[in-house]
Amino acid sequence: MSYYSLLITHYSLLITHYSLLITHYSLLITHYSLLITHYSLLITHYSLLITHYSLLLTQHSALSTHLR
């Protein structure tokens, strides 16, 4: 292989390397973003569940008071 051919291969591999590095960090950011979304939705889910049972208890309490 000639010198120029090696130089082209070298820079081509360098570009591929940095391209993969950018992809890697981009996927990492996406991963953590989805993880944050996941836990945020989990918190919302349990918050709504607590609200639901709280309203059920309030309704039950109001019904008990009304029937007395």
N, C-alpha and C. Protein backbone atom coordinates (compact mmCIF):
# COMPACT_ATOMS: atom_id res chain seq x y z
N MET A 1 0.84 -1.19 0.00
CA MET A 1 0.00 0.00 0.00
C MET A 1 0.88 1.25 0.00
N SER A 2 0.39 2.21 -0.70
CA SER A 2 1.17 3.45 -0.76
C SER A 2 0.88 4.31 0.47
N TYR A 3 1.69 5.28 0.64
CA TYR A 3 1.59 6.19 1.78
C TYR A 3 0.22 6.88 1.81
N TYR A 4 -0.24 7.37 0.65
CA TYR A 4 -1.51 8.10 0.57
C TYR A 4 -2.71 7.19 0.85
N SER A 5 -2.58 5.99 0.41
CA SER A 5 -3.65 5.02 0.65
C SER A 5 -3.76 4.72 2.15
N LEU A 6 -2.63 4.60 2.83
CA LEU A 6 -2.62 4.39 4.28
C LEU A 6 -3.17 5.60 5.03
N LEU A 7 -2.83 6.77 4.52
CA LEU A 7 -3.30 8.02 5.12
C LEU A 7 -4.82 8.12 5.01
N ILE A 8 -5.35 7.79 3.85
CA ILE A 8 -6.81 7.81 3.63
C ILE A 8 -7.49 6.79 4.55
N THR A 9 -6.92 5.61 4.66
CA THR A 9 -7.46 4.58 5.54
C THR A 9 -7.44 5.04 6.99
N HIS A 10 -6.34 5.64 7.38
CA HIS A 10 -6.18 6.16 8.74
C HIS A 10 -7.27 7.19 9.07
N TYR A 11 -7.45 8.17 8.23
CA TYR A 11 -8.46 9.21 8.48
C TYR A 11 -9.87 8.67 8.37
N SER A 12 -10.06 7.71 7.52
CA SER A 12 -11.37 7.06 7.39
C SER A 12 -11.72 6.33 8.68
N LEU A 13 -10.76 5.62 9.25
CA LEU A 13 -10.97 4.92 10.52
C LEU A 13 -11.16 5.90 11.67
N LEU A 14 -10.46 7.00 11.61
CA LEU A 14 -10.60 8.04 12.64
C LEU A 14 -12.01 8.63 12.61
N ILE A 15 -12.51 8.90 11.44
CA ILE A 15 -13.87 9.42 11.28
C ILE A 15 -14.89 8.40 11.79
N THR A 16 -14.68 7.13 11.45
CA THR A 16 -15.57 6.06 11.91
C THR A 16 -15.54 5.96 13.43
N HIS A 17 -14.34 6.06 14.00
CA HIS A 17 -14.15 6.02 15.44
C HIS A 17 -14.95 7.11 16.14
N TYR A 18 -14.80 8.35 15.69
CA TYR A 18 -15.52 9.46 16.31
C TYR A 18 -17.01 9.38 16.05
N SER A 19 -17.39 8.87 14.92
CA SER A 19 -18.80 8.69 14.60
C SER A 19 -19.42 7.69 15.56
N LEU A 20 -18.73 6.60 15.83
CA LEU A 20 -19.21 5.59 16.77
C LEU A 20 -19.24 6.13 18.20
N LEU A 21 -18.27 6.96 18.52
CA LEU A 21 -18.22 7.57 19.84
C LEU A 21 -19.42 8.49 20.06
N ILE A 22 -19.74 9.27 19.05
CA ILE A 22 -20.91 10.16 19.11
C ILE A 22 -22.19 9.32 19.25
N THR A 23 -22.27 8.25 18.48
CA THR A 23 -23.43 7.36 18.56
C THR A 23 -23.54 6.75 19.95
N HIS A 24 -22.42 6.32 20.49
CA HIS A 24 -22.37 5.74 21.83
C HIS A 24 -22.92 6.71 22.87
N TYR A 25 -22.44 7.94 22.89
CA TYR A 25 -22.88 8.92 23.87
C TYR A 25 -24.32 9.33 23.62
N SER A 26 -24.72 9.37 22.38
CA SER A 26 -26.10 9.69 22.04
C SER A 26 -27.04 8.62 22.60
N LEU A 27 -26.66 7.35 22.45
CA LEU A 27 -27.46 6.24 22.99
C LEU A 27 -27.46 6.24 24.51
N LEU A 28 -26.35 6.63 25.10
CA LEU A 28 -26.25 6.73 26.55
C LEU A 28 -27.20 7.79 27.09
N ILE A 29 -27.23 8.94 26.43
CA ILE A 29 -28.13 10.03 26.81
C ILE A 29 -29.59 9.56 26.67
N THR A 30 -29.89 8.88 25.56
CA THR A 30 -31.23 8.35 25.35
C THR A 30 -31.60 7.36 26.44
N HIS A 31 -30.66 6.50 26.78
CA HIS A 31 -30.88 5.50 27.83
C HIS A 31 -31.25 6.15 29.15
N TYR A 32 -30.46 7.13 29.58
CA TYR A 32 -30.74 7.79 30.85
C TYR A 32 -32.00 8.64 30.79
N SER A 33 -32.28 9.20 29.64
CA SER A 33 -33.50 9.96 29.45
C SER A 33 -34.72 9.06 29.61
N LEU A 34 -34.66 7.87 29.02
CA LEU A 34 -35.76 6.91 29.14
C LEU A 34 -35.89 6.38 30.57
N LEU A 35 -34.76 6.24 31.24
CA LEU A 35 -34.76 5.80 32.64
C LEU A 35 -35.46 6.83 33.52
N ILE A 36 -35.15 8.10 33.31
CA ILE A 36 -35.78 9.19 34.05
C ILE A 36 -37.28 9.21 33.77
N THR A 37 -37.65 9.06 32.50
CA THR A 37 -39.06 9.02 32.12
C THR A 37 -39.77 7.85 32.80
N HIS A 38 -39.11 6.70 32.81
CA HIS A 38 -39.65 5.49 33.43
C HIS A 38 -39.96 5.73 34.91
N TYR A 39 -39.00 6.26 35.65
CA TYR A 39 -39.20 6.49 37.07
C TYR A 39 -40.21 7.61 37.32
N SER A 40 -40.22 8.59 36.44
CA SER A 40 -41.19 9.67 36.55
C SER A 40 -42.62 9.12 36.39
N LEU A 41 -42.80 8.24 35.43
CA LEU A 41 -44.11 7.62 35.20
C LEU A 41 -44.49 6.69 36.35
N LEU A 42 -43.51 6.03 36.92
CA LEU A 42 -43.74 5.16 38.08
C LEU A 42 -44.22 5.97 39.28
N ILE A 43 -43.58 7.10 39.51
CA ILE A 43 -43.98 8.00 40.60
C ILE A 43 -45.40 8.52 40.36
N THR A 44 -45.69 8.91 39.13
CA THR A 44 -47.03 9.38 38.78
C THR A 44 -48.06 8.29 39.00
N HIS A 45 -47.71 7.08 38.60
CA HIS A 45 -48.60 5.92 38.77
C HIS A 45 -48.95 5.71 40.24
N TYR A 46 -47.95 5.68 41.10
CA TYR A 46 -48.20 5.46 42.53
C TYR A 46 -48.91 6.65 43.16
N SER A 47 -48.62 7.83 42.69
CA SER A 47 -49.29 9.03 43.18
C SER A 47 -50.78 8.96 42.86
N LEU A 48 -51.10 8.54 41.63
CA LEU A 48 -52.51 8.41 41.23
C LEU A 48 -53.20 7.28 42.00
N LEU A 49 -52.46 6.23 42.29
CA LEU A 49 -53.00 5.10 43.06
C LEU A 49 -53.35 5.55 44.48
N ILE A 50 -52.46 6.33 45.09
CA ILE A 50 -52.70 6.88 46.43
C ILE A 50 -53.92 7.80 46.42
N THR A 51 -54.00 8.65 45.40
CA THR A 51 -55.14 9.56 45.25
C THR A 51 -56.44 8.76 45.10
N HIS A 52 -56.39 7.71 44.31
CA HIS A 52 -57.55 6.86 44.07
C HIS A 52 -58.06 6.25 45.38
N TYR A 53 -57.14 5.65 46.16
CA TYR A 53 -57.54 5.03 47.42
C TYR A 53 -57.96 6.06 48.45
N SER A 54 -57.36 7.22 48.40
CA SER A 54 -57.73 8.31 49.30
C SER A 54 -59.17 8.75 49.01
N LEU A 55 -59.50 8.87 47.72
CA LEU A 55 -60.87 9.25 47.35
C LEU A 55 -61.87 8.15 47.71
N LEU A 56 -61.46 6.90 47.57
CA LEU A 56 -62.32 5.78 47.95
C LEU A 56 -62.62 5.81 49.45
N LEU A 57 -61.58 6.08 50.25
CA LEU A 57 -61.75 6.17 51.70
C LEU A 57 -62.66 7.34 52.07
N THR A 58 -62.49 8.46 51.39
CA THR A 58 -63.32 9.65 51.64
C THR A 58 -64.78 9.33 51.30
N GLN A 59 -64.98 8.66 50.17
CA GLN A 59 -66.33 8.28 49.75
C GLN A 59 -66.96 7.32 50.77
N HIS A 60 -66.17 6.35 51.20
CA HIS A 60 -66.65 5.37 52.19
C HIS A 60 -67.01 6.06 53.51
N SER A 61 -66.15 6.99 53.92
CA SER A 61 -66.36 7.75 55.15
C SER A 61 -67.63 8.60 55.05
N ALA A 62 -67.82 9.26 53.92
CA ALA A 62 -68.99 10.11 53.70
C ALA A 62 -70.26 9.26 53.70
N LEU A 63 -70.17 8.08 53.10
CA LEU A 63 -71.31 7.17 53.04
C LEU A 63 -71.68 6.66 54.43
N SER A 64 -70.65 6.33 55.22
CA SER A 64 -70.87 5.86 56.59
C SER A 64 -71.52 6.94 57.44
N THR A 65 -71.05 8.18 57.28
CA THR A 65 -71.59 9.32 58.03
C THR A 65 -73.03 9.57 57.61
N HIS A 66 -73.32 9.46 56.35
CA HIS A 66 -74.65 9.72 55.82
C HIS A 66 -75.66 8.66 56.30
N LEU A 67 -75.20 7.42 56.41
CA LEU A 67 -76.10 6.33 56.81
C LEU A 67 -76.39 6.29 58.30
N ARG A 68 -75.61 7.03 59.09
CA ARG A 68 -75.82 7.03 60.55
C ARG A 68 -77.03 7.82 60.96
